[in-house]
Every structure is written in C-alpha cells, then in structure tokens.
Amino acid sequence: MIVKCATLDGKAKAFQRGYDLMSGERVWLVLAEGAEAEVDAALSRQRANDPDLWVIEIEDRAGRTLLDEPGL
C-alpha cells in the first residue's frame, strides 16, 4: 500500500511502509516527492511491478497525512 498526499498546488509526496533498521519498528518512508506528475510517474512504475498495489490518495493543502499517528 502506498499513500499519496497531493497539496493541490501541483506538488505531492508518496509514502510506503518500511522498517527502521535501527529500532526494527515499522515506519512510513518517502517513496517519491516533488511535482505531482513526477510522483504519479513513480507510482505508475511501482504499479507495473505490483498489479495488486493499492494507492490511497489524500488531498490536503497543508500536506497532512496523519501517518505519524499511533496505530497507522
């Protein structure tokens, strides 16, 4: 699963789950960041490798995703 946050100004950031190797905890890592078209291209490449990929898109002008909240 990937979470994409579009800030409605032509920019976006995509996150994927990964591990912090130092602590062993699951964290959200930035997969792609920048112009929304470039982020969408990166997601298309990911989708080509994984046809079952889920992408959840959030639109928030402040770029809030709530991914740092407990339980997510």
C-alpha atoms as a PDB file:
ATOM      1  CA  MET A   1       0.000   0.000   0.000  1.00  0.00           C
ATOM      2  CA  ILE A   2       1.162   3.495  -0.829  1.00  0.00           C
ATOM      3  CA  VAL A   3      -0.266   6.751   0.499  1.00  0.00           C
ATOM      4  CA  LYS A   4      -0.031   9.783  -1.780  1.00  0.00           C
ATOM      5  CA  CYS A   5      -0.637  13.266  -0.423  1.00  0.00           C
ATOM      6  CA  ALA A   6      -1.390  15.956  -3.010  1.00  0.00           C
ATOM      7  CA  THR A   7      -1.165  19.526  -1.709  1.00  0.00           C
ATOM      8  CA  LEU A   8      -3.335  20.925  -4.532  1.00  0.00           C
ATOM      9  CA  ASP A   9      -0.546  23.225  -5.747  1.00  0.00           C
ATOM     10  CA  GLY A  10       0.971  20.807  -8.259  1.00  0.00           C
ATOM     11  CA  LYS A  11       3.129  19.033  -5.687  1.00  0.00           C
ATOM     12  CA  ALA A  12       2.756  15.682  -3.950  1.00  0.00           C
ATOM     13  CA  LYS A  13       4.512  13.166  -1.749  1.00  0.00           C
ATOM     14  CA  ALA A  14       4.114   9.371  -1.711  1.00  0.00           C
ATOM     15  CA  PHE A  15       4.828   7.169   1.303  1.00  0.00           C
ATOM     16  CA  GLN A  16       5.302   3.431   1.705  1.00  0.00           C
ATOM     17  CA  ARG A  17       5.742   1.219   4.736  1.00  0.00           C
ATOM     18  CA  GLY A  18       9.223   0.135   5.654  1.00  0.00           C
ATOM     19  CA  TYR A  19      11.383  -0.755   8.627  1.00  0.00           C
ATOM     20  CA  ASP A  20      13.671   1.405  10.693  1.00  0.00           C
ATOM     21  CA  LEU A  21      16.721  -0.831  10.747  1.00  0.00           C
ATOM     22  CA  MET A  22      17.996   0.676  13.996  1.00  0.00           C
ATOM     23  CA  SER A  23      14.833   0.071  16.027  1.00  0.00           C
ATOM     24  CA  GLY A  24      13.142  -2.641  13.964  1.00  0.00           C
ATOM     25  CA  GLU A  25       9.884  -0.674  14.016  1.00  0.00           C
ATOM     26  CA  ARG A  26       7.618  -0.134  11.026  1.00  0.00           C
ATOM     27  CA  VAL A  27       7.727   3.426   9.696  1.00  0.00           C
ATOM     28  CA  TRP A  28       6.372   5.377   6.744  1.00  0.00           C
ATOM     29  CA  LEU A  29       9.140   6.162   4.238  1.00  0.00           C
ATOM     30  CA  VAL A  30       9.028   8.754   1.458  1.00  0.00           C
ATOM     31  CA  LEU A  31       8.882   6.929  -1.872  1.00  0.00           C
ATOM     32  CA  ALA A  32       8.630   9.992  -4.118  1.00  0.00           C
ATOM     33  CA  GLU A  33       8.330  13.729  -3.611  1.00  0.00           C
ATOM     34  CA  GLY A  34       8.048  16.754  -5.889  1.00  0.00           C
ATOM     35  CA  ALA A  35       5.864  17.686  -8.821  1.00  0.00           C
ATOM     36  CA  GLU A  36       2.648  15.672  -8.775  1.00  0.00           C
ATOM     37  CA  ALA A  37       3.247  14.418 -12.329  1.00  0.00           C
ATOM     38  CA  GLU A  38       6.636  13.019 -11.271  1.00  0.00           C
ATOM     39  CA  VAL A  39       5.132  11.355  -8.199  1.00  0.00           C
ATOM     40  CA  ASP A  40       2.378   9.845 -10.370  1.00  0.00           C
ATOM     41  CA  ALA A  41       5.052   8.520 -12.775  1.00  0.00           C
ATOM     42  CA  ALA A  42       6.872   6.870  -9.860  1.00  0.00           C
ATOM     43  CA  LEU A  43       3.602   5.281  -8.724  1.00  0.00           C
ATOM     44  CA  SER A  44       2.975   4.002 -12.262  1.00  0.00           C
ATOM     45  CA  ARG A  45       6.385   2.315 -12.221  1.00  0.00           C
ATOM     46  CA  GLN A  46       5.553   0.721  -8.869  1.00  0.00           C
ATOM     47  CA  ARG A  47       2.185  -0.444 -10.233  1.00  0.00           C
ATOM     48  CA  ALA A  48       3.916  -2.060 -13.231  1.00  0.00           C
ATOM     49  CA  ASN A  49       5.846  -4.258 -10.772  1.00  0.00           C
ATOM     50  CA  ASP A  50       2.870  -4.955  -8.497  1.00  0.00           C
ATOM     51  CA  PRO A  51      -0.554  -5.050 -10.177  1.00  0.00           C
ATOM     52  CA  ASP A  52      -2.215  -5.551  -6.761  1.00  0.00           C
ATOM     53  CA  LEU A  53      -0.776  -2.286  -5.432  1.00  0.00           C
ATOM     54  CA  TRP A  54      -3.192  -0.102  -3.503  1.00  0.00           C
ATOM     55  CA  VAL A  55      -2.708   3.669  -3.632  1.00  0.00           C
ATOM     56  CA  ILE A  56      -4.651   5.837  -1.213  1.00  0.00           C
ATOM     57  CA  GLU A  57      -4.676   9.485  -2.252  1.00  0.00           C
ATOM     58  CA  ILE A  58      -5.169  12.310   0.206  1.00  0.00           C
ATOM     59  CA  GLU A  59      -5.724  15.917  -0.846  1.00  0.00           C
ATOM     60  CA  ASP A  60      -4.702  18.387   1.828  1.00  0.00           C
ATOM     61  CA  ARG A  61      -3.299  21.881   1.226  1.00  0.00           C
ATOM     62  CA  ALA A  62      -1.169  21.620   4.385  1.00  0.00           C
ATOM     63  CA  GLY A  63       0.204  18.198   3.402  1.00  0.00           C
ATOM     64  CA  ARG A  64      -1.220  16.443   6.471  1.00  0.00           C
ATOM     65  CA  THR A  65      -1.441  12.662   6.227  1.00  0.00           C
ATOM     66  CA  LEU A  66      -1.848  11.605   9.875  1.00  0.00           C
ATOM     67  CA  LEU A  67       0.564   8.735   9.136  1.00  0.00           C
ATOM     68  CA  ASP A  68       2.534   9.613  12.251  1.00  0.00           C
ATOM     69  CA  GLU A  69      -0.496   8.952  14.455  1.00  0.00           C
ATOM     70  CA  PRO A  70      -0.444   5.849  16.680  1.00  0.00           C
ATOM     71  CA  GLY A  71      -1.969   2.810  15.003  1.00  0.00           C
ATOM     72  CA  LEU A  72      -1.228   3.841  11.467  1.00  0.00           C
END
